[in-house]
Amino acid sequence: MNQPQKKSPPLLNDKPKDPVQKLLWVMRCLRDPEYGCPWDLEQTYKSIAPYTIEEAYEVADALDNGSMTDFKEELGDLLLQVVYQAQMAYEDKLFDFNAVADTIAEKMIARHPHVFANELAEKASDVNEIWDRQKDVEQGKQESALDGVTLGLPALLRSQKLQKRAARVGYEWQDTKGALDKFNEEMAELIEACDERSPTHMEEELGDVLFCIVNFGRMNGLNAEEALRKANDKFSKRFKGMECDLKDDGIDMPEASLEVLLEYWKRQKHK
């Protein structure tokens, strides 16, 4: 039986020297119907989207880890996602990478009249006001102040954006004490729901508590999504340290009492 013959690959001599053009060339090769990669050829806009989200989080993770080498690499991985989607759009005769770059450049010019025109902005809060105003002009009249908040955002981040939109039209506590009082009120309702042992009611009240704490954080200039991500990282670091200490002391973690585990946890906090 004759083995299928691999089609001729693109000549490396055709590889552009300009880094951006080189990346675009790589993606064209990967998606070429004749000699491209089978996996890359099977992908669609939707199948690639989860990788885009994952790469964005890996950029943030590399930055937190403090490795500029990893940061550079992860930025490249994220850029590849943009190039990938743009190449598929070009194949569908919709737009190309240049159109994507031009669109964002023009948007930045329009939303920074304090840089590219004669508006004044002395501090960051002035810039935020200008940005929101320009964005409203671009989007035109909307039926709701909440229109345009992406459904696919992580829940905490979406809560923060919904609350910010509501605050822009006056639906906002006068100070953070009002937000904290509302949080305490919702906590009391969660406790009542726990006493009732109703999973549906408990879930609803838990959601209200989370929504309130996001609002409290937002009013204090804090990002709940970022705060929880850091808390997750801190927990992971302490837990792994506790596992190592227990192992060093010859203690099998599943067999240890809660009191023992809490004592080892305290050691990690002190460290």
C-alpha atoms as a PDB file:
ATOM      1  CA  MET A   1       0.000   0.000   0.000  1.00  0.00           C
ATOM      2  CA  ASN A   2       1.319   3.397  -0.952  1.00  0.00           C
ATOM      3  CA  GLN A   3       1.889   5.747   1.951  1.00  0.00           C
ATOM      4  CA  PRO A   4       0.293   9.200   1.607  1.00  0.00           C
ATOM      5  CA  GLN A   5       2.843  11.720   0.457  1.00  0.00           C
ATOM      6  CA  LYS A   6       3.400  14.810   2.582  1.00  0.00           C
ATOM      7  CA  LYS A   7       2.854  17.944   0.548  1.00  0.00           C
ATOM      8  CA  SER A   8       5.727  20.350   0.109  1.00  0.00           C
ATOM      9  CA  PRO A   9       6.054  22.770   3.023  1.00  0.00           C
ATOM     10  CA  PRO A  10       6.450  26.508   2.538  1.00  0.00           C
ATOM     11  CA  LEU A  11      10.011  27.548   1.800  1.00  0.00           C
ATOM     12  CA  LEU A  12      11.741  28.980   4.854  1.00  0.00           C
ATOM     13  CA  ASN A  13      13.422  31.384   2.451  1.00  0.00           C
ATOM     14  CA  ASP A  14      10.027  33.075   2.165  1.00  0.00           C
ATOM     15  CA  LYS A  15       9.998  33.816   5.889  1.00  0.00           C
ATOM     16  CA  PRO A  16       9.770  37.588   6.438  1.00  0.00           C
ATOM     17  CA  LYS A  17      12.342  39.325   8.614  1.00  0.00           C
ATOM     18  CA  ASP A  18       9.913  41.775  10.210  1.00  0.00           C
ATOM     19  CA  PRO A  19       8.712  40.109  13.459  1.00  0.00           C
ATOM     20  CA  VAL A  20       5.013  40.947  12.990  1.00  0.00           C
ATOM     21  CA  GLN A  21       5.028  39.897   9.339  1.00  0.00           C
ATOM     22  CA  LYS A  22       6.872  36.707  10.330  1.00  0.00           C
ATOM     23  CA  LEU A  23       4.121  35.834  12.833  1.00  0.00           C
ATOM     24  CA  LEU A  24       1.397  36.508  10.251  1.00  0.00           C
ATOM     25  CA  TRP A  25       3.302  34.310   7.779  1.00  0.00           C
ATOM     26  CA  VAL A  26       3.526  31.469  10.330  1.00  0.00           C
ATOM     27  CA  MET A  27      -0.244  31.576  10.854  1.00  0.00           C
ATOM     28  CA  ARG A  28      -0.920  31.603   7.113  1.00  0.00           C
ATOM     29  CA  CYS A  29       1.273  28.516   6.783  1.00  0.00           C
ATOM     30  CA  LEU A  30      -0.463  26.734   9.651  1.00  0.00           C
ATOM     31  CA  ARG A  31      -3.870  27.418   8.073  1.00  0.00           C
ATOM     32  CA  ASP A  32      -2.848  26.673   4.481  1.00  0.00           C
ATOM     33  CA  PRO A  33      -5.285  24.082   3.019  1.00  0.00           C
ATOM     34  CA  GLU A  34      -2.507  22.207   1.226  1.00  0.00           C
ATOM     35  CA  TYR A  35       0.412  21.990   3.654  1.00  0.00           C
ATOM     36  CA  GLY A  36      -1.000  23.386   6.893  1.00  0.00           C
ATOM     37  CA  CYS A  37      -1.350  21.754  10.297  1.00  0.00           C
ATOM     38  CA  PRO A  38      -4.401  19.430  10.585  1.00  0.00           C
ATOM     39  CA  TRP A  39      -5.200  20.646  14.097  1.00  0.00           C
ATOM     40  CA  ASP A  40      -4.983  24.321  13.162  1.00  0.00           C
ATOM     41  CA  LEU A  41      -7.113  23.760  10.081  1.00  0.00           C
ATOM     42  CA  GLU A  42      -9.909  22.225  12.169  1.00  0.00           C
ATOM     43  CA  GLN A  43     -10.229  25.192  14.519  1.00  0.00           C
ATOM     44  CA  THR A  44     -13.032  27.752  14.456  1.00  0.00           C
ATOM     45  CA  TYR A  45     -13.623  31.118  16.117  1.00  0.00           C
ATOM     46  CA  LYS A  46     -15.446  29.440  18.988  1.00  0.00           C
ATOM     47  CA  SER A  47     -13.015  26.561  19.472  1.00  0.00           C
ATOM     48  CA  ILE A  48     -10.100  28.996  19.804  1.00  0.00           C
ATOM     49  CA  ALA A  49     -11.886  31.417  22.165  1.00  0.00           C
ATOM     50  CA  PRO A  50     -11.234  29.373  25.362  1.00  0.00           C
ATOM     51  CA  TYR A  51      -7.497  29.378  24.588  1.00  0.00           C
ATOM     52  CA  THR A  52      -7.609  33.169  24.282  1.00  0.00           C
ATOM     53  CA  ILE A  53      -9.104  33.468  27.755  1.00  0.00           C
ATOM     54  CA  GLU A  54      -6.585  30.984  29.155  1.00  0.00           C
ATOM     55  CA  GLU A  55      -3.643  32.852  27.632  1.00  0.00           C
ATOM     56  CA  ALA A  56      -4.838  36.147  29.115  1.00  0.00           C
ATOM     57  CA  TYR A  57      -4.792  34.598  32.587  1.00  0.00           C
ATOM     58  CA  GLU A  58      -1.347  33.126  31.960  1.00  0.00           C
ATOM     59  CA  VAL A  59      -0.066  36.617  31.119  1.00  0.00           C
ATOM     60  CA  ALA A  60      -1.309  37.847  34.499  1.00  0.00           C
ATOM     61  CA  ASP A  61       0.190  34.808  36.228  1.00  0.00           C
ATOM     62  CA  ALA A  62       3.612  35.351  34.637  1.00  0.00           C
ATOM     63  CA  LEU A  63       3.535  38.975  35.716  1.00  0.00           C
ATOM     64  CA  ASP A  64       2.726  37.974  39.295  1.00  0.00           C
ATOM     65  CA  ASN A  65       5.581  35.476  39.274  1.00  0.00           C
ATOM     66  CA  GLY A  66       7.965  38.287  38.379  1.00  0.00           C
ATOM     67  CA  SER A  67       9.667  36.545  35.463  1.00  0.00           C
ATOM     68  CA  MET A  68       9.982  38.934  32.547  1.00  0.00           C
ATOM     69  CA  THR A  69      11.094  36.034  30.339  1.00  0.00           C
ATOM     70  CA  ASP A  70       7.847  34.177  31.050  1.00  0.00           C
ATOM     71  CA  PHE A  71       5.906  37.437  30.736  1.00  0.00           C
ATOM     72  CA  LYS A  72       7.338  38.052  27.263  1.00  0.00           C
ATOM     73  CA  GLU A  73       6.519  34.498  26.190  1.00  0.00           C
ATOM     74  CA  GLU A  74       2.952  34.658  27.485  1.00  0.00           C
ATOM     75  CA  LEU A  75       2.371  38.004  25.768  1.00  0.00           C
ATOM     76  CA  GLY A  76       3.441  36.276  22.565  1.00  0.00           C
ATOM     77  CA  ASP A  77       0.996  33.437  23.187  1.00  0.00           C
ATOM     78  CA  LEU A  78      -1.789  35.979  23.676  1.00  0.00           C
ATOM     79  CA  LEU A  79      -0.807  37.862  20.533  1.00  0.00           C
ATOM     80  CA  LEU A  80      -0.948  34.587  18.607  1.00  0.00           C
ATOM     81  CA  GLN A  81      -4.610  34.279  19.564  1.00  0.00           C
ATOM     82  CA  VAL A  82      -5.358  37.640  17.934  1.00  0.00           C
ATOM     83  CA  VAL A  83      -3.410  36.642  14.826  1.00  0.00           C
ATOM     84  CA  TYR A  84      -5.240  33.289  14.720  1.00  0.00           C
ATOM     85  CA  GLN A  85      -8.725  34.812  14.845  1.00  0.00           C
ATOM     86  CA  ALA A  86      -7.763  37.511  12.346  1.00  0.00           C
ATOM     87  CA  GLN A  87      -6.450  34.915   9.891  1.00  0.00           C
ATOM     88  CA  MET A  88      -9.721  32.961  10.038  1.00  0.00           C
ATOM     89  CA  ALA A  89     -11.665  36.201   9.513  1.00  0.00           C
ATOM     90  CA  TYR A  90      -9.480  36.944   6.477  1.00  0.00           C
ATOM     91  CA  GLU A  91     -10.233  33.494   5.075  1.00  0.00           C
ATOM     92  CA  ASP A  92     -13.945  34.274   5.498  1.00  0.00           C
ATOM     93  CA  LYS A  93     -13.413  37.603   3.674  1.00  0.00           C
ATOM     94  CA  LEU A  94     -14.441  39.613   6.773  1.00  0.00           C
ATOM     95  CA  PHE A  95     -11.322  41.502   7.860  1.00  0.00           C
ATOM     96  CA  ASP A  96      -7.607  40.937   8.442  1.00  0.00           C
ATOM     97  CA  PHE A  97      -4.977  41.647  11.090  1.00  0.00           C
ATOM     98  CA  ASN A  98      -4.247  45.102   9.671  1.00  0.00           C
ATOM     99  CA  ALA A  99      -7.920  46.024  10.048  1.00  0.00           C
ATOM    100  CA  VAL A 100      -7.858  44.838  13.672  1.00  0.00           C
ATOM    101  CA  ALA A 101      -4.745  46.916  14.408  1.00  0.00           C
ATOM    102  CA  ASP A 102      -6.147  49.968  12.639  1.00  0.00           C
ATOM    103  CA  THR A 103      -9.478  49.729  14.471  1.00  0.00           C
ATOM    104  CA  ILE A 104      -7.896  49.648  17.925  1.00  0.00           C
ATOM    105  CA  ALA A 105      -5.476  52.449  17.010  1.00  0.00           C
ATOM    106  CA  GLU A 106      -8.339  54.706  15.902  1.00  0.00           C
ATOM    107  CA  LYS A 107     -10.333  53.795  19.017  1.00  0.00           C
ATOM    108  CA  MET A 108      -7.417  54.779  21.258  1.00  0.00           C
ATOM    109  CA  ILE A 109      -7.050  58.092  19.424  1.00  0.00           C
ATOM    110  CA  ALA A 110     -10.768  58.829  19.816  1.00  0.00           C
ATOM    111  CA  ARG A 111     -10.790  57.905  23.510  1.00  0.00           C
ATOM    112  CA  HIS A 112      -7.716  59.998  24.352  1.00  0.00           C
ATOM    113  CA  PRO A 113      -8.619  63.511  23.204  1.00  0.00           C
ATOM    114  CA  HIS A 114      -6.453  64.786  26.069  1.00  0.00           C
ATOM    115  CA  VAL A 115      -3.463  63.349  24.165  1.00  0.00           C
ATOM    116  CA  PHE A 116      -4.480  63.612  20.498  1.00  0.00           C
ATOM    117  CA  ALA A 117      -6.754  66.689  20.713  1.00  0.00           C
ATOM    118  CA  ASN A 118      -7.172  69.689  22.993  1.00  0.00           C
ATOM    119  CA  GLU A 119      -9.070  68.265  25.981  1.00  0.00           C
ATOM    120  CA  LEU A 120      -7.464  68.526  29.406  1.00  0.00           C
ATOM    121  CA  ALA A 121      -6.911  65.680  31.883  1.00  0.00           C
ATOM    122  CA  GLU A 122      -4.798  66.348  34.947  1.00  0.00           C
ATOM    123  CA  LYS A 123      -5.392  63.105  36.828  1.00  0.00           C
ATOM    124  CA  ALA A 124      -6.481  59.509  36.237  1.00  0.00           C
ATOM    125  CA  SER A 125     -10.082  60.173  37.315  1.00  0.00           C
ATOM    126  CA  ASP A 126     -10.349  62.825  34.570  1.00  0.00           C
ATOM    127  CA  VAL A 127      -9.180  60.239  32.046  1.00  0.00           C
ATOM    128  CA  ASN A 128     -11.803  57.750  33.249  1.00  0.00           C
ATOM    129  CA  GLU A 129     -14.556  60.333  32.745  1.00  0.00           C
ATOM    130  CA  ILE A 130     -13.323  61.147  29.243  1.00  0.00           C
ATOM    131  CA  TRP A 131     -13.068  57.439  28.396  1.00  0.00           C
ATOM    132  CA  ASP A 132     -16.631  56.723  29.540  1.00  0.00           C
ATOM    133  CA  ARG A 133     -17.987  59.743  27.695  1.00  0.00           C
ATOM    134  CA  GLN A 134     -16.259  58.803  24.439  1.00  0.00           C
ATOM    135  CA  LYS A 135     -17.436  55.219  24.805  1.00  0.00           C
ATOM    136  CA  ASP A 136     -21.040  56.425  25.198  1.00  0.00           C
ATOM    137  CA  VAL A 137     -20.694  58.470  22.018  1.00  0.00           C
ATOM    138  CA  GLU A 138     -19.389  55.429  20.098  1.00  0.00           C
ATOM    139  CA  GLN A 139     -22.112  53.087  21.333  1.00  0.00           C
ATOM    140  CA  GLY A 140     -24.953  55.551  20.852  1.00  0.00           C
ATOM    141  CA  LYS A 141     -28.172  55.548  22.846  1.00  0.00           C
ATOM    142  CA  GLN A 142     -28.764  52.271  24.714  1.00  0.00           C
ATOM    143  CA  GLU A 143     -31.955  50.925  26.218  1.00  0.00           C
ATOM    144  CA  SER A 144     -30.269  50.179  29.546  1.00  0.00           C
ATOM    145  CA  ALA A 145     -27.275  51.565  31.403  1.00  0.00           C
ATOM    146  CA  LEU A 146     -26.167  47.932  31.780  1.00  0.00           C
ATOM    147  CA  ASP A 147     -26.108  47.180  28.052  1.00  0.00           C
ATOM    148  CA  GLY A 148     -22.707  46.151  26.743  1.00  0.00           C
ATOM    149  CA  VAL A 149     -21.404  44.375  29.851  1.00  0.00           C
ATOM    150  CA  THR A 150     -20.045  41.118  28.476  1.00  0.00           C
ATOM    151  CA  LEU A 151     -21.872  37.972  29.595  1.00  0.00           C
ATOM    152  CA  GLY A 152     -18.764  35.810  29.319  1.00  0.00           C
ATOM    153  CA  LEU A 153     -16.731  37.678  31.952  1.00  0.00           C
ATOM    154  CA  PRO A 154     -15.804  35.922  35.211  1.00  0.00           C
ATOM    155  CA  ALA A 155     -18.693  36.425  37.633  1.00  0.00           C
ATOM    156  CA  LEU A 156     -16.861  38.705  40.079  1.00  0.00           C
ATOM    157  CA  LEU A 157     -15.527  40.902  37.304  1.00  0.00           C
ATOM    158  CA  ARG A 158     -18.955  41.120  35.645  1.00  0.00           C
ATOM    159  CA  SER A 159     -20.501  42.124  38.992  1.00  0.00           C
ATOM    160  CA  GLN A 160     -17.991  44.933  39.290  1.00  0.00           C
ATOM    161  CA  LYS A 161     -18.705  46.213  35.779  1.00  0.00           C
ATOM    162  CA  LEU A 162     -22.486  46.029  36.292  1.00  0.00           C
ATOM    163  CA  GLN A 163     -22.173  47.996  39.521  1.00  0.00           C
ATOM    164  CA  LYS A 164     -19.938  50.584  37.872  1.00  0.00           C
ATOM    165  CA  ARG A 165     -22.507  51.101  35.111  1.00  0.00           C
ATOM    166  CA  ALA A 166     -25.298  51.471  37.664  1.00  0.00           C
ATOM    167  CA  ALA A 167     -23.233  53.962  39.676  1.00  0.00           C
ATOM    168  CA  ARG A 168     -22.733  56.140  36.602  1.00  0.00           C
ATOM    169  CA  VAL A 169     -26.474  56.858  36.503  1.00  0.00           C
ATOM    170  CA  GLY A 170     -26.746  57.492  40.236  1.00  0.00           C
ATOM    171  CA  TYR A 171     -27.577  54.045  41.616  1.00  0.00           C
ATOM    172  CA  GLU A 172     -24.857  54.099  44.245  1.00  0.00           C
ATOM    173  CA  TRP A 173     -24.452  54.225  48.020  1.00  0.00           C
ATOM    174  CA  GLN A 174     -23.399  57.643  49.303  1.00  0.00           C
ATOM    175  CA  ASP A 175     -20.421  56.079  51.078  1.00  0.00           C
ATOM    176  CA  THR A 176     -18.845  52.691  51.695  1.00  0.00           C
ATOM    177  CA  LYS A 177     -20.654  52.364  55.036  1.00  0.00           C
ATOM    178  CA  GLY A 178     -23.922  51.918  53.142  1.00  0.00           C
ATOM    179  CA  ALA A 179     -22.344  49.132  51.089  1.00  0.00           C
ATOM    180  CA  LEU A 180     -20.945  47.467  54.218  1.00  0.00           C
ATOM    181  CA  ASP A 181     -24.313  47.678  56.017  1.00  0.00           C
ATOM    182  CA  LYS A 182     -25.934  46.005  52.997  1.00  0.00           C
ATOM    183  CA  PHE A 183     -23.304  43.273  53.127  1.00  0.00           C
ATOM    184  CA  ASN A 184     -24.064  42.637  56.818  1.00  0.00           C
ATOM    185  CA  GLU A 185     -27.769  42.518  56.016  1.00  0.00           C
ATOM    186  CA  GLU A 186     -27.201  39.925  53.293  1.00  0.00           C
ATOM    187  CA  MET A 187     -24.960  37.880  55.601  1.00  0.00           C
ATOM    188  CA  ALA A 188     -27.794  37.711  58.143  1.00  0.00           C
ATOM    189  CA  GLU A 189     -30.128  36.487  55.398  1.00  0.00           C
ATOM    190  CA  LEU A 190     -27.578  33.852  54.373  1.00  0.00           C
ATOM    191  CA  ILE A 191     -27.426  32.596  57.966  1.00  0.00           C
ATOM    192  CA  GLU A 192     -31.227  32.357  58.024  1.00  0.00           C
ATOM    193  CA  ALA A 193     -31.193  30.417  54.753  1.00  0.00           C
ATOM    194  CA  CYS A 194     -28.595  28.032  56.242  1.00  0.00           C
ATOM    195  CA  ASP A 195     -30.908  27.442  59.214  1.00  0.00           C
ATOM    196  CA  GLU A 196     -33.706  26.574  56.771  1.00  0.00           C
ATOM    197  CA  ARG A 197     -31.412  24.063  55.016  1.00  0.00           C
ATOM    198  CA  SER A 198     -32.813  25.114  51.629  1.00  0.00           C
ATOM    199  CA  PRO A 199     -30.051  24.726  48.990  1.00  0.00           C
ATOM    200  CA  THR A 200     -31.877  26.997  46.541  1.00  0.00           C
ATOM    201  CA  HIS A 201     -32.335  29.743  49.119  1.00  0.00           C
ATOM    202  CA  MET A 202     -28.765  29.338  50.368  1.00  0.00           C
ATOM    203  CA  GLU A 203     -27.386  29.674  46.844  1.00  0.00           C
ATOM    204  CA  GLU A 204     -29.431  32.820  46.236  1.00  0.00           C
ATOM    205  CA  GLU A 205     -28.298  34.468  49.461  1.00  0.00           C
ATOM    206  CA  LEU A 206     -24.687  33.444  48.882  1.00  0.00           C
ATOM    207  CA  GLY A 207     -24.869  35.185  45.518  1.00  0.00           C
ATOM    208  CA  ASP A 208     -26.233  38.322  47.191  1.00  0.00           C
ATOM    209  CA  VAL A 209     -23.387  38.282  49.721  1.00  0.00           C
ATOM    210  CA  LEU A 210     -20.774  37.945  46.982  1.00  0.00           C
ATOM    211  CA  PHE A 211     -22.410  40.723  44.969  1.00  0.00           C
ATOM    212  CA  CYS A 212     -22.370  43.024  48.002  1.00  0.00           C
ATOM    213  CA  ILE A 213     -18.739  42.366  48.864  1.00  0.00           C
ATOM    214  CA  VAL A 214     -17.772  43.101  45.235  1.00  0.00           C
ATOM    215  CA  ASN A 215     -19.597  46.418  45.523  1.00  0.00           C
ATOM    216  CA  PHE A 216     -17.878  47.249  48.813  1.00  0.00           C
ATOM    217  CA  GLY A 217     -14.496  46.508  47.253  1.00  0.00           C
ATOM    218  CA  ARG A 218     -15.274  48.537  44.132  1.00  0.00           C
ATOM    219  CA  MET A 219     -16.239  51.588  46.197  1.00  0.00           C
ATOM    220  CA  ASN A 220     -12.866  51.310  47.934  1.00  0.00           C
ATOM    221  CA  GLY A 221     -11.005  51.136  44.637  1.00  0.00           C
ATOM    222  CA  LEU A 222     -10.423  47.370  44.857  1.00  0.00           C
ATOM    223  CA  ASN A 223     -10.887  44.748  42.153  1.00  0.00           C
ATOM    224  CA  ALA A 224     -12.679  41.725  43.609  1.00  0.00           C
ATOM    225  CA  GLU A 225     -11.508  39.391  40.845  1.00  0.00           C
ATOM    226  CA  GLU A 226      -7.886  40.369  41.470  1.00  0.00           C
ATOM    227  CA  ALA A 227      -8.311  40.177  45.246  1.00  0.00           C
ATOM    228  CA  LEU A 228      -9.739  36.658  45.070  1.00  0.00           C
ATOM    229  CA  ARG A 229      -7.040  35.540  42.635  1.00  0.00           C
ATOM    230  CA  LYS A 230      -4.373  36.701  45.094  1.00  0.00           C
ATOM    231  CA  ALA A 231      -6.205  34.991  47.956  1.00  0.00           C
ATOM    232  CA  ASN A 232      -6.259  31.765  45.935  1.00  0.00           C
ATOM    233  CA  ASP A 233      -2.521  32.035  45.320  1.00  0.00           C
ATOM    234  CA  LYS A 234      -1.856  32.728  49.003  1.00  0.00           C
ATOM    235  CA  PHE A 235      -3.960  29.742  50.057  1.00  0.00           C
ATOM    236  CA  SER A 236      -2.196  27.480  47.570  1.00  0.00           C
ATOM    237  CA  LYS A 237       1.248  28.573  48.765  1.00  0.00           C
ATOM    238  CA  ARG A 238       0.398  28.103  52.448  1.00  0.00           C
ATOM    239  CA  PHE A 239      -1.337  24.774  51.880  1.00  0.00           C
ATOM    240  CA  LYS A 240       1.587  23.334  49.933  1.00  0.00           C
ATOM    241  CA  GLY A 241       3.956  24.569  52.632  1.00  0.00           C
ATOM    242  CA  MET A 242       1.808  22.875  55.256  1.00  0.00           C
ATOM    243  CA  GLU A 243       1.917  19.629  53.276  1.00  0.00           C
ATOM    244  CA  CYS A 244       5.717  19.793  53.174  1.00  0.00           C
ATOM    245  CA  ASP A 245       5.982  20.479  56.921  1.00  0.00           C
ATOM    246  CA  LEU A 246       3.674  17.585  57.753  1.00  0.00           C
ATOM    247  CA  LYS A 247       5.648  15.261  55.513  1.00  0.00           C
ATOM    248  CA  ASP A 248       8.935  16.382  57.085  1.00  0.00           C
ATOM    249  CA  ASP A 249       7.487  15.590  60.516  1.00  0.00           C
ATOM    250  CA  GLY A 250       6.296  12.162  59.382  1.00  0.00           C
ATOM    251  CA  ILE A 251       2.593  13.004  59.659  1.00  0.00           C
ATOM    252  CA  ASP A 252       0.102  11.615  57.157  1.00  0.00           C
ATOM    253  CA  MET A 253      -2.185  14.544  56.361  1.00  0.00           C
ATOM    254  CA  PRO A 254      -5.468  12.584  55.946  1.00  0.00           C
ATOM    255  CA  GLU A 255      -4.857  10.982  59.340  1.00  0.00           C
ATOM    256  CA  ALA A 256      -4.127  14.258  61.172  1.00  0.00           C
ATOM    257  CA  SER A 257      -6.792  15.960  63.301  1.00  0.00           C
ATOM    258  CA  LEU A 258      -8.171  19.355  62.378  1.00  0.00           C
ATOM    259  CA  GLU A 259      -6.432  20.838  65.422  1.00  0.00           C
ATOM    260  CA  VAL A 260      -3.070  19.587  64.169  1.00  0.00           C
ATOM    261  CA  LEU A 261      -3.721  20.883  60.662  1.00  0.00           C
ATOM    262  CA  LEU A 262      -4.692  24.305  61.978  1.00  0.00           C
ATOM    263  CA  GLU A 263      -1.506  24.456  64.016  1.00  0.00           C
ATOM    264  CA  TYR A 264       0.580  23.727  60.924  1.00  0.00           C
ATOM    265  CA  TRP A 265      -1.437  26.312  59.015  1.00  0.00           C
ATOM    266  CA  LYS A 266      -0.548  28.927  61.636  1.00  0.00           C
ATOM    267  CA  ARG A 267       3.130  28.055  61.156  1.00  0.00           C
ATOM    268  CA  GLN A 268       2.788  28.878  57.460  1.00  0.00           C
ATOM    269  CA  LYS A 269       1.181  32.211  58.240  1.00  0.00           C
ATOM    270  CA  HIS A 270       4.104  33.108  60.499  1.00  0.00           C
ATOM    271  CA  LYS A 271       6.540  32.121  57.775  1.00  0.00           C
END
